[in-house]
């Protein structure tokens, strides 16, 4: 799998890419048409200043258009890749378990982009970008290795990679 070289690139599986594209098509098509119809119907009611239906439809339109722009941007920057191999090497699409130096507890996170998560809201896991300080430090490393990275506050932080599994 090719690693993104541009920090603006987001890595997604084909499944996540298809889901985002489907959402974009849905919002750009029937949802946009439905909102336009609601706005037109509310305009026909007369005075727009005190027309709650008109203002609600305009607010919905703003949110929908913002999501459409976000999806278009994500799809433009997306790099589609296969699910990573279960070989113990940290790469995009892996759930990484780490232990901070001096701590006995472990923490798990997904290395990649939030779009890798399914629409299933029951999945609760932190997501770190491969370009984040922690993500960049562990990327390409193996289970059992220890790495040190500089946190945004300037302090060096050492973590041990306890486990890696494909998401």
Foldseek 3Di string as FASTA:
>chain_A
DDADPDLLAFEAAPVLLVVLVVVLCCLVPPVLVVLVVQLVVQVVVPDPVPRPSNVVSVVVNVVSVVSNVVSVSNNVRYDHDHFDDQPQADDAQKWWWKDWPPGPDIAIAHETDPSRDDPPPVDDHHYDYCPAFVNVQRHGPGQQDKTWTAHPVRDIIIMHTHHMDGD
